[in-house]
Amino acid sequence: MAQQVIQGNPRIADDTGRVAVQRGPLIYCLEELDQPSGVALSDVALDLATGSAEAFQSKQQADLLGGVVVLHHLGVAYERDAAENALYSRHSRKPPKTRKVDLRFIPYYAWANRHPTWMQVWTQLYKA
């Protein structure tokens, strides 16, 4: 089954600039506990430079919730230090610093079945 990246209607302000991942009839999400240590979901983005279908690897994970297909994606994490920035500051033309991270997506229906954690369906789209 191929993965596809979907976008919401542009009139949905909260989803502007964000995308979701679908595999077959299932929507996938990110749970913070599955991401690399210290990476907040608000700081991650999908990197689709190689094309949407090739950007994900699916893996059957038998030990997770009785067996689900997990998607892996080499995305990016923005390196943001909230302590360095004031609440408001001058706009900088410099692109934000990023680093590559392995993002792990699980089916949306399976979230919050391990313990409470942050979750998101609509993820930023990285534009280099």
Protein backbone atom coordinates (compact mmCIF):
# COMPACT_ATOMS: atom_id res chain seq x y z
CA MET A 1 0.00 0.00 0.00
CA ALA A 2 1.41 3.39 -0.93
CA GLN A 3 1.55 6.34 1.40
CA GLN A 4 0.29 9.69 0.30
CA VAL A 5 0.63 13.17 1.70
CA ILE A 6 -2.59 15.15 1.92
CA GLN A 7 -3.32 18.79 2.60
CA GLY A 8 -6.36 20.46 4.09
CA ASN A 9 -8.54 23.11 2.54
CA PRO A 10 -6.57 26.41 2.52
CA ARG A 11 -9.44 28.06 4.40
CA ILE A 12 -8.63 25.96 7.47
CA ALA A 13 -6.24 28.40 9.14
CA ASP A 14 -4.81 25.92 11.67
CA ASP A 15 -3.72 23.54 8.89
CA THR A 16 -2.14 26.12 6.57
CA GLY A 17 1.37 24.98 5.64
CA ARG A 18 0.78 21.56 7.19
CA VAL A 19 0.20 18.11 5.73
CA ALA A 20 -1.02 14.73 6.95
CA VAL A 21 0.04 11.21 6.00
CA GLN A 22 -2.39 8.59 4.74
CA ARG A 23 -1.74 4.91 3.97
CA GLY A 24 -4.70 3.15 2.40
CA PRO A 25 -7.78 4.22 4.36
CA LEU A 26 -5.76 5.09 7.51
CA ILE A 27 -4.52 8.46 8.66
CA TYR A 28 -1.24 8.43 10.57
CA CYS A 29 -0.01 10.61 13.42
CA LEU A 30 3.12 11.39 15.38
CA GLU A 31 3.29 10.70 19.10
CA GLU A 32 6.05 12.52 20.95
CA LEU A 33 7.15 9.37 22.81
CA ASP A 34 8.10 7.75 19.47
CA GLN A 35 10.37 10.57 18.33
CA PRO A 36 14.07 11.04 19.13
CA SER A 37 14.75 12.16 22.68
CA GLY A 38 14.38 15.88 23.20
CA VAL A 39 12.50 16.50 19.94
CA ALA A 40 9.20 18.34 20.38
CA LEU A 41 6.44 17.72 17.84
CA SER A 42 6.11 21.47 17.31
CA ASP A 43 9.68 21.47 15.95
CA VAL A 44 9.45 18.68 13.35
CA ALA A 45 8.66 18.84 9.65
CA LEU A 46 8.31 16.43 6.74
CA ASP A 47 11.03 16.71 4.10
CA LEU A 48 9.50 15.67 0.79
CA ALA A 49 12.41 16.64 -1.43
CA THR A 50 12.69 13.04 -2.71
CA GLY A 51 8.98 12.73 -3.51
CA SER A 52 6.10 11.80 -1.23
CA ALA A 53 5.84 8.05 -1.92
CA GLU A 54 9.57 7.40 -1.62
CA ALA A 55 9.87 9.49 1.54
CA PHE A 56 8.30 6.85 3.82
CA GLN A 57 9.26 3.32 4.77
CA SER A 58 6.60 1.04 6.22
CA LYS A 59 7.35 -1.66 8.77
CA GLN A 60 5.04 -4.16 10.45
CA GLN A 61 5.65 -3.87 14.19
CA ALA A 62 4.21 -6.93 15.90
CA ASP A 63 5.05 -5.80 19.44
CA LEU A 64 3.10 -2.52 19.22
CA LEU A 65 -0.58 -2.75 20.16
CA GLY A 66 -1.00 -6.26 18.82
CA GLY A 67 0.68 -5.42 15.52
CA VAL A 68 0.44 -2.25 13.44
CA VAL A 69 2.23 -0.85 10.41
CA VAL A 70 4.54 1.97 11.44
CA LEU A 71 5.86 4.54 8.96
CA HIS A 72 9.37 5.98 9.16
CA HIS A 73 10.39 9.24 7.51
CA LEU A 74 13.70 11.07 7.50
CA GLY A 75 12.37 14.50 8.34
CA VAL A 76 13.87 17.53 10.00
CA ALA A 77 13.80 19.08 13.45
CA TYR A 78 14.16 22.83 13.78
CA GLU A 79 16.80 23.77 16.31
CA ARG A 80 14.96 26.37 18.33
CA ASP A 81 16.04 27.58 21.71
CA ALA A 82 13.08 29.31 23.32
CA ALA A 83 15.33 30.76 26.03
CA GLU A 84 17.32 32.75 23.44
CA ASN A 85 14.31 34.44 21.83
CA ALA A 86 12.15 37.15 23.25
CA LEU A 87 8.40 36.86 22.89
CA TYR A 88 8.71 39.17 19.86
CA SER A 89 11.86 39.92 17.88
CA ARG A 90 12.93 41.26 14.52
CA HIS A 91 12.44 38.92 11.58
CA SER A 92 15.66 37.30 10.44
CA ARG A 93 16.24 36.43 6.79
CA LYS A 94 18.52 33.57 7.80
CA PRO A 95 16.96 30.14 7.31
CA PRO A 96 16.36 28.32 10.58
CA LYS A 97 18.87 25.67 11.60
CA THR A 98 17.64 22.12 11.15
CA ARG A 99 18.92 18.61 11.63
CA LYS A 100 17.76 15.33 10.12
CA VAL A 101 15.66 13.10 12.41
CA ASP A 102 13.91 9.78 11.94
CA LEU A 103 10.20 10.46 12.44
CA ARG A 104 7.95 7.56 13.39
CA PHE A 105 4.26 7.63 12.47
CA ILE A 106 1.60 5.29 13.89
CA PRO A 107 -2.03 4.85 12.79
CA TYR A 108 -4.19 7.60 14.27
CA TYR A 109 -6.59 5.06 15.81
CA ALA A 110 -3.72 3.67 17.92
CA TRP A 111 -2.60 6.86 19.67
CA ALA A 112 -2.88 7.30 23.45
CA ASN A 113 -2.86 3.54 24.03
CA ARG A 114 0.50 3.40 25.83
CA HIS A 115 0.58 6.43 28.11
CA PRO A 116 -0.33 10.13 27.84
CA THR A 117 1.85 12.04 25.38
CA TRP A 118 1.60 14.84 22.82
CA MET A 119 0.22 13.86 19.40
CA GLN A 120 -0.24 15.59 16.05
CA VAL A 121 -1.75 14.64 12.73
CA TRP A 122 -1.06 17.83 10.75
CA THR A 123 2.71 18.28 10.45
CA GLN A 124 4.77 21.14 9.10
CA LEU A 125 6.16 20.82 5.62
CA TYR A 126 9.86 21.65 5.33
CA LYS A 127 10.80 23.99 2.51
CA ALA A 128 14.52 24.31 1.93
